[in-house]
Structure formats: C-alpha cells, structure tokens
C-alpha atoms as a PDB file:
ATOM      1  CA  MET A   1      23.898 -10.562  -3.298  1.00  0.00           C
ATOM      2  CA  TYR A   2      22.194  -7.323  -4.300  1.00  0.00           C
ATOM      3  CA  TYR A   3      18.592  -6.125  -4.124  1.00  0.00           C
ATOM      4  CA  PRO A   4      17.414  -2.583  -4.901  1.00  0.00           C
ATOM      5  CA  LEU A   5      15.560  -0.961  -2.005  1.00  0.00           C
ATOM      6  CA  SER A   6      12.311  -1.199  -3.970  1.00  0.00           C
ATOM      7  CA  GLU A   7      12.548  -5.011  -3.740  1.00  0.00           C
ATOM      8  CA  ILE A   8      13.137  -5.182   0.028  1.00  0.00           C
ATOM      9  CA  THR A   9      10.606  -5.132   2.850  1.00  0.00           C
ATOM     10  CA  PRO A  10      12.745  -4.063   5.834  1.00  0.00           C
ATOM     11  CA  ASP A  11      12.352  -4.025   9.627  1.00  0.00           C
ATOM     12  CA  LEU A  12      10.364  -7.232  10.108  1.00  0.00           C
ATOM     13  CA  TYR A  13      10.658  -9.121  13.399  1.00  0.00           C
ATOM     14  CA  THR A  14      10.284 -12.734  14.510  1.00  0.00           C
ATOM     15  CA  GLU A  15      10.156 -14.147  18.038  1.00  0.00           C
ATOM     16  CA  GLY A  16      12.066 -17.273  17.072  1.00  0.00           C
ATOM     17  CA  SER A  17       9.813 -20.168  16.020  1.00  0.00           C
ATOM     18  CA  GLU A  18       9.145 -18.967  12.486  1.00  0.00           C
ATOM     19  CA  PHE A  19      12.644 -19.085  10.886  1.00  0.00           C
ATOM     20  CA  ILE A  20      15.869 -21.091  10.942  1.00  0.00           C
ATOM     21  CA  TYR A  21      19.287 -20.295   9.496  1.00  0.00           C
ATOM     22  CA  LYS A  22      19.530 -21.866   6.038  1.00  0.00           C
ATOM     23  CA  ASP A  23      23.131 -23.050   6.561  1.00  0.00           C
ATOM     24  CA  SER A  24      22.846 -24.470  10.103  1.00  0.00           C
ATOM     25  CA  SER A  25      19.115 -25.052  10.768  1.00  0.00           C
ATOM     26  CA  ALA A  26      19.516 -23.188  14.086  1.00  0.00           C
ATOM     27  CA  PRO A  27      16.441 -21.171  15.122  1.00  0.00           C
ATOM     28  CA  TYR A  28      16.547 -17.449  14.372  1.00  0.00           C
ATOM     29  CA  SER A  29      14.897 -14.662  16.353  1.00  0.00           C
ATOM     30  CA  GLY A  30      15.243 -10.948  15.739  1.00  0.00           C
ATOM     31  CA  TYR A  31      14.932  -8.490  12.919  1.00  0.00           C
ATOM     32  CA  TYR A  32      14.867  -9.647   9.332  1.00  0.00           C
ATOM     33  CA  PHE A  33      13.858  -8.437   5.884  1.00  0.00           C
ATOM     34  CA  SER A  34      12.137 -10.073   2.932  1.00  0.00           C
ATOM     35  CA  THR A  35      12.834  -9.716  -0.771  1.00  0.00           C
ATOM     36  CA  SER A  36      10.553  -9.564  -3.769  1.00  0.00           C
ATOM     37  CA  ASP A  37      11.659 -13.069  -4.818  1.00  0.00           C
ATOM     38  CA  GLY A  38      10.378 -14.580  -1.557  1.00  0.00           C
ATOM     39  CA  ARG A  39      13.681 -14.882   0.322  1.00  0.00           C
ATOM     40  CA  PHE A  40      14.371 -13.805   3.909  1.00  0.00           C
ATOM     41  CA  TYR A  41      17.585 -12.488   5.461  1.00  0.00           C
ATOM     42  CA  THR A  42      18.794 -11.515   8.922  1.00  0.00           C
ATOM     43  CA  GLU A  43      19.250  -7.844   9.831  1.00  0.00           C
ATOM     44  CA  ARG A  44      16.777  -4.976   9.427  1.00  0.00           C
ATOM     45  CA  THR A  45      17.916  -4.379   5.834  1.00  0.00           C
ATOM     46  CA  LEU A  46      20.578  -5.662   3.447  1.00  0.00           C
ATOM     47  CA  LEU A  47      24.031  -5.587   5.072  1.00  0.00           C
ATOM     48  CA  PRO A  48      27.258  -7.517   4.406  1.00  0.00           C
ATOM     49  CA  THR A  49      26.525  -9.536   7.579  1.00  0.00           C
ATOM     50  CA  SER A  50      23.004 -10.572   6.438  1.00  0.00           C
ATOM     51  CA  LYS A  51      22.485 -14.344   6.359  1.00  0.00           C
ATOM     52  CA  GLU A  52      19.698 -16.190   4.600  1.00  0.00           C
ATOM     53  CA  ILE A  53      16.977 -17.677   6.801  1.00  0.00           C
ATOM     54  CA  ILE A  54      14.157 -19.989   5.780  1.00  0.00           C
ATOM     55  CA  LYS A  55      10.742 -20.760   7.211  1.00  0.00           C
ATOM     56  CA  SER A  56      10.866 -23.453   9.834  1.00  0.00           C
ATOM     57  CA  SER A  57       8.828 -26.558   9.049  1.00  0.00           C
ATOM     58  CA  ASN A  58       7.627 -26.431  12.679  1.00  0.00           C
ATOM     59  CA  ALA A  59       6.290 -22.913  12.290  1.00  0.00           C
ATOM     60  CA  ILE A  60       2.552 -22.609  12.589  1.00  0.00           C
ATOM     61  CA  LEU A  61       1.656 -19.813  10.248  1.00  0.00           C
ATOM     62  CA  PRO A  62      -1.770 -18.271  10.001  1.00  0.00           C
ATOM     63  CA  GLU A  63      -3.634 -18.889   6.759  1.00  0.00           C
ATOM     64  CA  PRO A  64      -3.152 -15.826   4.578  1.00  0.00           C
ATOM     65  CA  THR A  65      -6.352 -13.930   4.007  1.00  0.00           C
ATOM     66  CA  SER A  66      -7.091 -11.756   1.042  1.00  0.00           C
ATOM     67  CA  PRO A  67      -8.029  -8.186   1.932  1.00  0.00           C
ATOM     68  CA  GLU A  68     -11.736  -7.380   1.657  1.00  0.00           C
ATOM     69  CA  HIS A  69     -12.909  -4.667  -0.734  1.00  0.00           C
ATOM     70  CA  THR A  70     -14.611  -1.831   1.133  1.00  0.00           C
ATOM     71  CA  ILE A  71     -16.200   1.467   0.187  1.00  0.00           C
ATOM     72  CA  PRO A  72     -15.278   4.336   2.511  1.00  0.00           C
ATOM     73  CA  GLN A  73     -18.028   6.258   4.255  1.00  0.00           C
ATOM     74  CA  PRO A  74     -16.898   9.864   4.833  1.00  0.00           C
ATOM     75  CA  SER A  75     -17.829  11.272   8.231  1.00  0.00           C
ATOM     76  CA  GLU A  76     -18.864  14.810   9.064  1.00  0.00           C
ATOM     77  CA  ALA A  77     -15.314  15.371  10.360  1.00  0.00           C
ATOM     78  CA  ASP A  78     -13.962  14.264   6.953  1.00  0.00           C
ATOM     79  CA  TYR A  79     -16.209  16.801   5.210  1.00  0.00           C
ATOM     80  CA  GLN A  80     -14.990  19.503   7.591  1.00  0.00           C
ATOM     81  CA  ALA A  81     -11.394  18.547   6.756  1.00  0.00           C
ATOM     82  CA  GLY A  82     -12.264  18.529   3.049  1.00  0.00           C
ATOM     83  CA  TYR A  83     -10.762  15.133   2.217  1.00  0.00           C
ATOM     84  CA  ILE A  84     -10.588  11.463   3.111  1.00  0.00           C
ATOM     85  CA  THR A  85      -7.632   9.117   2.982  1.00  0.00           C
ATOM     86  CA  ARG A  86      -8.153   6.189   0.637  1.00  0.00           C
ATOM     87  CA  TYR A  87      -6.257   2.895   0.738  1.00  0.00           C
ATOM     88  CA  VAL A  88      -5.803   0.616  -2.274  1.00  0.00           C
ATOM     89  CA  CYS A  89      -3.980  -2.683  -2.712  1.00  0.00           C
ATOM     90  CA  LYS A  90      -3.235  -5.001  -5.621  1.00  0.00           C
ATOM     91  CA  ARG A  91      -1.488  -8.362  -5.779  1.00  0.00           C
ATOM     92  CA  VAL A  92       2.031  -8.113  -7.151  1.00  0.00           C
ATOM     93  CA  ASN A  93       2.357  -9.233 -10.783  1.00  0.00           C
ATOM     94  CA  SER A  94      -1.421  -9.162 -11.234  1.00  0.00           C
ATOM     95  CA  GLY A  95      -3.721  -6.930 -13.195  1.00  0.00           C
ATOM     96  CA  ILE A  96      -6.405  -4.484 -12.193  1.00  0.00           C
ATOM     97  CA  GLU A  97      -8.758  -7.396 -11.437  1.00  0.00           C
ATOM     98  CA  THR A  98      -6.999  -7.901  -8.062  1.00  0.00           C
ATOM     99  CA  MET A  99      -7.130  -4.192  -7.122  1.00  0.00           C
ATOM    100  CA  LYS A 100      -9.262  -3.429  -4.064  1.00  0.00           C
ATOM    101  CA  GLU A 101     -10.054  -0.446  -1.932  1.00  0.00           C
ATOM    102  CA  ILE A 102      -9.449  -1.442   1.675  1.00  0.00           C
ATOM    103  CA  THR A 103      -9.740  -0.048   5.189  1.00  0.00           C
ATOM    104  CA  LYS A 104      -6.904   1.627   7.066  1.00  0.00           C
ATOM    105  CA  GLU A 105      -6.693  -1.453   9.304  1.00  0.00           C
ATOM    106  CA  GLU A 106      -6.331  -3.805   6.292  1.00  0.00           C
ATOM    107  CA  TYR A 107      -3.759  -1.423   4.795  1.00  0.00           C
ATOM    108  CA  ASN A 108      -1.686  -1.520   7.995  1.00  0.00           C
ATOM    109  CA  ARG A 109      -1.980  -5.322   8.093  1.00  0.00           C
ATOM    110  CA  ILE A 110      -0.679  -5.888   4.561  1.00  0.00           C
ATOM    111  CA  LYS A 111       1.579  -2.889   3.939  1.00  0.00           C
ATOM    112  CA  ARG A 112       4.706  -5.003   4.512  1.00  0.00           C
ATOM    113  CA  ASP A 113       3.328  -8.099   2.781  1.00  0.00           C
ATOM    114  CA  PRO A 114       5.506  -8.788  -0.287  1.00  0.00           C
ATOM    115  CA  LEU A 115       2.464 -10.209  -2.107  1.00  0.00           C
ATOM    116  CA  TYR A 116       0.799  -6.778  -2.353  1.00  0.00           C
ATOM    117  CA  ASN A 117       1.497  -3.337  -3.742  1.00  0.00           C
ATOM    118  CA  ASN A 118      -0.444  -0.731  -1.834  1.00  0.00           C
ATOM    119  CA  VAL A 119      -0.942   3.016  -1.721  1.00  0.00           C
ATOM    120  CA  GLU A 120      -2.672   5.550   0.465  1.00  0.00           C
ATOM    121  CA  PHE A 121      -3.658   9.002  -0.750  1.00  0.00           C
ATOM    122  CA  LYS A 122      -5.856  11.997  -0.020  1.00  0.00           C
ATOM    123  CA  TRP A 123      -9.142  12.272  -1.935  1.00  0.00           C
ATOM    124  CA  VAL A 124     -10.747  15.729  -2.021  1.00  0.00           C
ATOM    125  CA  ILE A 125     -14.450  15.707  -1.117  1.00  0.00           C
ATOM    126  CA  VAL A 126     -15.300  19.385  -0.552  1.00  0.00           C
ATOM    127  CA  GLY A 127     -15.149  22.171  -3.126  1.00  0.00           C
ATOM    128  CA  ASN A 128     -16.322  23.013  -6.617  1.00  0.00           C
ATOM    129  CA  THR A 129     -16.711  19.872  -8.676  1.00  0.00           C
ATOM    130  CA  LEU A 130     -15.593  21.542 -11.905  1.00  0.00           C
ATOM    131  CA  ASP A 131     -12.758  23.957 -12.661  1.00  0.00           C
ATOM    132  CA  ASP A 132     -13.532  27.678 -12.455  1.00  0.00           C
ATOM    133  CA  PHE A 133     -11.653  29.807 -14.986  1.00  0.00           C
ATOM    134  CA  SER A 134     -13.855  32.892 -14.614  1.00  0.00           C
ATOM    135  CA  ASN A 135     -10.748  34.780 -13.454  1.00  0.00           C
ATOM    136  CA  PRO A 136      -8.016  33.694 -15.889  1.00  0.00           C
ATOM    137  CA  LYS A 137      -5.306  35.055 -13.595  1.00  0.00           C
ATOM    138  CA  ILE A 138      -6.405  32.823 -10.716  1.00  0.00           C
ATOM    139  CA  PRO A 139      -7.832  29.531 -11.964  1.00  0.00           C
ATOM    140  CA  ILE A 140      -9.582  27.410  -9.368  1.00  0.00           C
ATOM    141  CA  TYR A 141      -9.233  23.701  -9.971  1.00  0.00           C
ATOM    142  CA  GLY A 142     -12.200  21.525  -9.156  1.00  0.00           C
ATOM    143  CA  ILE A 143     -12.442  18.272  -7.256  1.00  0.00           C
ATOM    144  CA  ILE A 144     -12.539  16.191 -10.443  1.00  0.00           C
ATOM    145  CA  ARG A 145      -9.262  17.596 -11.772  1.00  0.00           C
ATOM    146  CA  ILE A 146      -7.493  17.423  -8.384  1.00  0.00           C
ATOM    147  CA  ASN A 147      -8.493  13.798  -7.712  1.00  0.00           C
ATOM    148  CA  LYS A 148      -7.675  12.762 -11.281  1.00  0.00           C
ATOM    149  CA  ILE A 149      -4.179  14.285 -11.017  1.00  0.00           C
ATOM    150  CA  THR A 150      -3.664  12.557  -7.661  1.00  0.00           C
ATOM    151  CA  VAL A 151      -4.651   9.157  -9.068  1.00  0.00           C
ATOM    152  CA  ASN A 152      -2.627   9.609 -12.277  1.00  0.00           C
ATOM    153  CA  ASN A 153       0.462  10.416 -10.170  1.00  0.00           C
ATOM    154  CA  LEU A 154       0.027   7.034  -8.422  1.00  0.00           C
ATOM    155  CA  GLU A 155       0.093   5.121 -11.726  1.00  0.00           C
ATOM    156  CA  PRO A 156       3.888   4.374 -11.649  1.00  0.00           C
ATOM    157  CA  LYS A 157       3.580   2.777  -8.184  1.00  0.00           C
ATOM    158  CA  MET A 158       0.203   1.121  -8.802  1.00  0.00           C
ATOM    159  CA  PRO A 159      -0.300   0.422 -12.532  1.00  0.00           C
ATOM    160  CA  GLY A 160      -3.988   0.392 -13.433  1.00  0.00           C
ATOM    161  CA  ILE A 161      -5.191   2.629 -10.596  1.00  0.00           C
ATOM    162  CA  SER A 162      -6.330   5.301 -13.063  1.00  0.00           C
ATOM    163  CA  GLN A 163      -8.688   2.700 -14.575  1.00  0.00           C
ATOM    164  CA  PHE A 164      -9.870   1.542 -11.142  1.00  0.00           C
ATOM    165  CA  PHE A 165     -11.286   4.958 -10.174  1.00  0.00           C
ATOM    166  CA  LYS A 166     -13.945   6.157 -12.584  1.00  0.00           C
ATOM    167  CA  ASN A 167     -15.874   8.777 -10.568  1.00  0.00           C
ATOM    168  CA  TYR A 168     -13.446  11.501  -9.527  1.00  0.00           C
ATOM    169  CA  ALA A 169     -16.270  13.422  -7.826  1.00  0.00           C
ATOM    170  CA  GLU A 170     -17.201  10.479  -5.600  1.00  0.00           C
ATOM    171  CA  PHE A 171     -18.365  11.700  -2.147  1.00  0.00           C
ATOM    172  CA  ALA A 172     -18.120  15.371  -3.310  1.00  0.00           C
ATOM    173  CA  LYS A 173     -20.046  18.119  -1.548  1.00  0.00           C
ATOM    174  CA  ASP A 174     -20.204  21.779  -2.531  1.00  0.00           C
ATOM    175  CA  PRO A 175     -18.653  24.100   0.061  1.00  0.00           C
END
C-alpha cells in the first residue's frame, strides 16, 4: 500500500465508537489517518504497521454540513496591519461553482476534511492601488498586482481561484 503525502490527511483521532478494524471488527480508538480515496488506517500517518479500519455501523455521525459562503469585514486593526487573512474552500473534484470564501472557524472545521481543498492567504488592503514606476530604480507595486500574484500562486493548489477573485483591490484603502 502506498499513498503520496498529498493524498493523506494525518493525525486524526477517534475515541473508539466511530471505527472498527476491518479484519476483526474489534473497536478501534486512537490516532488514524484518511486517504483521498475514502479509506482509513491506524497510526498518525502511513507506516508499515498501519491497519485498515472502517466506520462502525453503530457510529452516530453528525450530518455533514456544507460550509457557508461569507464576505470578510476588515476591522480597524486589520487596516492598521495592512492585510486580512482570507479563507477559501472548494469540494474536491469539483469546479469553481463549489468554491466559497469562508470564516476562519469554518476553515479550521473543514481543513482536515478529505472532501475539501482549502487555502488561507494574506490579502493586502492598505497601500497604493496601482503600481508606481515614477522611480524606475525602485518600483512600488500596488495592491492590485500584489493580490493578483498571491492568488495566481495559489492556482496549483486550488484550481480556479484566479477566476473566483475578480476585484483585486477589494477592501483597499489608501495609506
């Protein structure tokens, strides 16, 4: 059995009623990891001693809830810092139509969920909106360019994110 690290969600934990060993049906409690194909194994990450576990039919699992789309509201402290942190998620194997901006709390709730890809990143909100090349030796890049570069760099991890964000000067204030 082999899974690349990109297909493993490590360091999950169960108290004991959620999983059973696949080969013996004995209850399992402790650390486990999940894989991108929906399987679960004992240990914090893939090891030679990892054994497959399956969801117990007795387990009472909460109904999964889809994250809610939210629009951040920068505070005065954010403007003093010059940036906000944005959180975006998208269902695995889905297009941009499932992409949502979410709260930090939602991000923390789903960041280990194998059904979602998610990213967090800094979004500049204070500075010149446009580039300033008045001194060619020291160009000053504007908010639009900086945020666009940031989002474009996230494209390999979150395909479609550069189409999701259209206003790279969103929330911008001049210094």
